[in-house]
Amino acid sequence: MVIFKFSKYGDSMGTRLLGAKIRADLRPLLDGEERVALDFSGIDTVTNSFADECIAKLLLEMPLDELKSKTTFTGLTPMTERSILTALKRRHMQLVNELPR
């Protein structure tokens, strides 16, 4: 398993700009064979905007089941977990609602 430490970018994950940068750094690891542990240890803040830009926008590139199979989350506080789950749910619902009927 590959460990991707968010703490190397600071202790506060707050902007879309930072989210896009980290997603670009993370993306090549997701194309590899190993599962990626997204380690949020030491992170005090994760905003919904950051979580959407960094994590949830990965759903534009791969289905939810694939993202789940390639990643696991570690070191989440209840607040950071809530921000990430909220962003994933919103992005997933947006994509589901855009499907042709």
C-alpha atoms as a PDB file:
ATOM      1  CA  MET A   1       0.000   0.000   0.000  1.00  0.00           C
ATOM      2  CA  VAL A   2       1.205   3.494  -0.874  1.00  0.00           C
ATOM      3  CA  ILE A   3       0.675   6.174   1.790  1.00  0.00           C
ATOM      4  CA  PHE A   4      -0.170   9.671   0.545  1.00  0.00           C
ATOM      5  CA  LYS A   5       0.414  12.125   3.395  1.00  0.00           C
ATOM      6  CA  PHE A   6      -1.606  15.311   3.135  1.00  0.00           C
ATOM      7  CA  SER A   7       0.472  16.825   5.960  1.00  0.00           C
ATOM      8  CA  LYS A   8       3.341  17.486   3.558  1.00  0.00           C
ATOM      9  CA  TYR A   9       1.157  20.294   2.142  1.00  0.00           C
ATOM     10  CA  GLY A  10       0.418  21.876   5.540  1.00  0.00           C
ATOM     11  CA  ASP A  11      -2.089  21.337   8.349  1.00  0.00           C
ATOM     12  CA  SER A  12      -5.053  23.124   6.795  1.00  0.00           C
ATOM     13  CA  MET A  13      -6.669  21.998   3.553  1.00  0.00           C
ATOM     14  CA  GLY A  14      -8.839  24.971   2.712  1.00  0.00           C
ATOM     15  CA  THR A  15      -8.747  26.114  -0.907  1.00  0.00           C
ATOM     16  CA  ARG A  16      -9.767  24.769  -4.288  1.00  0.00           C
ATOM     17  CA  LEU A  17      -6.365  25.812  -5.642  1.00  0.00           C
ATOM     18  CA  LEU A  18      -4.588  23.595  -3.110  1.00  0.00           C
ATOM     19  CA  GLY A  19      -7.120  20.834  -3.761  1.00  0.00           C
ATOM     20  CA  ALA A  20      -6.386  20.899  -7.494  1.00  0.00           C
ATOM     21  CA  LYS A  21      -2.627  20.804  -6.865  1.00  0.00           C
ATOM     22  CA  ILE A  22      -2.873  17.858  -4.501  1.00  0.00           C
ATOM     23  CA  ARG A  23      -5.276  15.998  -6.816  1.00  0.00           C
ATOM     24  CA  ALA A  24      -2.730  16.408  -9.637  1.00  0.00           C
ATOM     25  CA  ASP A  25      -0.015  14.967  -7.365  1.00  0.00           C
ATOM     26  CA  LEU A  26      -2.277  12.126  -6.209  1.00  0.00           C
ATOM     27  CA  ARG A  27      -3.698  11.119  -9.589  1.00  0.00           C
ATOM     28  CA  PRO A  28      -0.652   9.197 -10.916  1.00  0.00           C
ATOM     29  CA  LEU A  29      -0.614   7.040  -7.769  1.00  0.00           C
ATOM     30  CA  LEU A  30      -4.210   6.000  -8.443  1.00  0.00           C
ATOM     31  CA  ASP A  31      -3.165   4.641 -11.833  1.00  0.00           C
ATOM     32  CA  GLY A  32      -0.721   2.264 -10.159  1.00  0.00           C
ATOM     33  CA  GLU A  33      -1.362  -1.264  -9.007  1.00  0.00           C
ATOM     34  CA  GLU A  34      -1.165  -0.561  -5.270  1.00  0.00           C
ATOM     35  CA  ARG A  35      -3.979   0.747  -3.119  1.00  0.00           C
ATOM     36  CA  VAL A  36      -3.428   4.304  -1.862  1.00  0.00           C
ATOM     37  CA  ALA A  37      -3.963   5.264   1.784  1.00  0.00           C
ATOM     38  CA  LEU A  38      -5.053   8.899   1.940  1.00  0.00           C
ATOM     39  CA  ASP A  39      -3.492   9.891   5.255  1.00  0.00           C
ATOM     40  CA  PHE A  40      -5.014  12.972   6.876  1.00  0.00           C
ATOM     41  CA  SER A  41      -3.038  12.622  10.130  1.00  0.00           C
ATOM     42  CA  GLY A  42      -2.117  16.045  11.484  1.00  0.00           C
ATOM     43  CA  ILE A  43      -4.660  17.872   9.336  1.00  0.00           C
ATOM     44  CA  ASP A  44      -6.740  20.316  11.373  1.00  0.00           C
ATOM     45  CA  THR A  45      -9.089  21.618   8.692  1.00  0.00           C
ATOM     46  CA  VAL A  46     -10.613  20.251   5.495  1.00  0.00           C
ATOM     47  CA  THR A  47     -13.150  22.559   3.874  1.00  0.00           C
ATOM     48  CA  ASN A  48     -15.950  21.283   1.672  1.00  0.00           C
ATOM     49  CA  SER A  49     -14.421  23.210  -1.253  1.00  0.00           C
ATOM     50  CA  PHE A  50     -11.055  21.517  -0.800  1.00  0.00           C
ATOM     51  CA  ALA A  51     -12.652  18.087  -0.368  1.00  0.00           C
ATOM     52  CA  ASP A  52     -14.670  18.557  -3.554  1.00  0.00           C
ATOM     53  CA  GLU A  53     -11.704  19.762  -5.598  1.00  0.00           C
ATOM     54  CA  CYS A  54      -9.197  17.217  -4.321  1.00  0.00           C
ATOM     55  CA  ILE A  55     -11.223  14.077  -3.642  1.00  0.00           C
ATOM     56  CA  ALA A  56     -14.757  14.309  -5.044  1.00  0.00           C
ATOM     57  CA  LYS A  57     -13.648  15.524  -8.483  1.00  0.00           C
ATOM     58  CA  LEU A  58     -11.888  12.183  -8.877  1.00  0.00           C
ATOM     59  CA  LEU A  59     -15.412  10.879  -9.552  1.00  0.00           C
ATOM     60  CA  LEU A  60     -15.269  12.776 -12.853  1.00  0.00           C
ATOM     61  CA  GLU A  61     -12.370  10.506 -13.816  1.00  0.00           C
ATOM     62  CA  MET A  62     -13.435   7.154 -12.355  1.00  0.00           C
ATOM     63  CA  PRO A  63     -16.584   5.501 -10.987  1.00  0.00           C
ATOM     64  CA  LEU A  64     -17.194   5.535  -7.234  1.00  0.00           C
ATOM     65  CA  ASP A  65     -16.592   1.779  -6.934  1.00  0.00           C
ATOM     66  CA  GLU A  66     -13.201   2.137  -8.604  1.00  0.00           C
ATOM     67  CA  LEU A  67     -12.247   5.032  -6.321  1.00  0.00           C
ATOM     68  CA  LYS A  68     -13.273   2.949  -3.302  1.00  0.00           C
ATOM     69  CA  SER A  69     -11.219  -0.024  -4.481  1.00  0.00           C
ATOM     70  CA  LYS A  70      -8.111   2.108  -5.079  1.00  0.00           C
ATOM     71  CA  THR A  71      -8.164   4.168  -1.869  1.00  0.00           C
ATOM     72  CA  THR A  72      -8.632   4.061   1.853  1.00  0.00           C
ATOM     73  CA  PHE A  73      -8.707   6.953   4.314  1.00  0.00           C
ATOM     74  CA  THR A  74      -6.662   7.172   7.502  1.00  0.00           C
ATOM     75  CA  GLY A  75      -6.131   9.799  10.181  1.00  0.00           C
ATOM     76  CA  LEU A  76      -9.502  11.488   9.750  1.00  0.00           C
ATOM     77  CA  THR A  77     -11.060  13.511  12.540  1.00  0.00           C
ATOM     78  CA  PRO A  78     -14.865  13.514  12.726  1.00  0.00           C
ATOM     79  CA  MET A  79     -14.907  16.992  11.111  1.00  0.00           C
ATOM     80  CA  THR A  80     -12.552  16.122   8.255  1.00  0.00           C
ATOM     81  CA  GLU A  81     -14.456  12.902   7.625  1.00  0.00           C
ATOM     82  CA  ARG A  82     -17.732  14.828   7.449  1.00  0.00           C
ATOM     83  CA  SER A  83     -16.305  17.336   4.939  1.00  0.00           C
ATOM     84  CA  ILE A  84     -15.004  14.587   2.667  1.00  0.00           C
ATOM     85  CA  LEU A  85     -18.190  12.509   2.847  1.00  0.00           C
ATOM     86  CA  THR A  86     -20.344  15.569   2.144  1.00  0.00           C
ATOM     87  CA  ALA A  87     -18.266  16.472  -0.912  1.00  0.00           C
ATOM     88  CA  LEU A  88     -18.346  12.900  -2.234  1.00  0.00           C
ATOM     89  CA  LYS A  89     -22.109  12.593  -1.733  1.00  0.00           C
ATOM     90  CA  ARG A  90     -22.807  15.912  -3.478  1.00  0.00           C
ATOM     91  CA  ARG A  91     -20.552  15.138  -6.438  1.00  0.00           C
ATOM     92  CA  HIS A  92     -21.936  11.605  -6.758  1.00  0.00           C
ATOM     93  CA  MET A  93     -25.535  12.871  -6.701  1.00  0.00           C
ATOM     94  CA  GLN A  94     -24.673  15.478  -9.332  1.00  0.00           C
ATOM     95  CA  LEU A  95     -23.257  12.788 -11.604  1.00  0.00           C
ATOM     96  CA  VAL A  96     -26.203  10.436 -11.030  1.00  0.00           C
ATOM     97  CA  ASN A  97     -28.655  13.215 -11.868  1.00  0.00           C
ATOM     98  CA  GLU A  98     -26.788  13.956 -15.114  1.00  0.00           C
ATOM     99  CA  LEU A  99     -27.141  10.395 -16.416  1.00  0.00           C
ATOM    100  CA  PRO A 100     -29.382  10.082 -19.467  1.00  0.00           C
ATOM    101  CA  ARG A 101     -32.731   8.543 -18.694  1.00  0.00           C
END
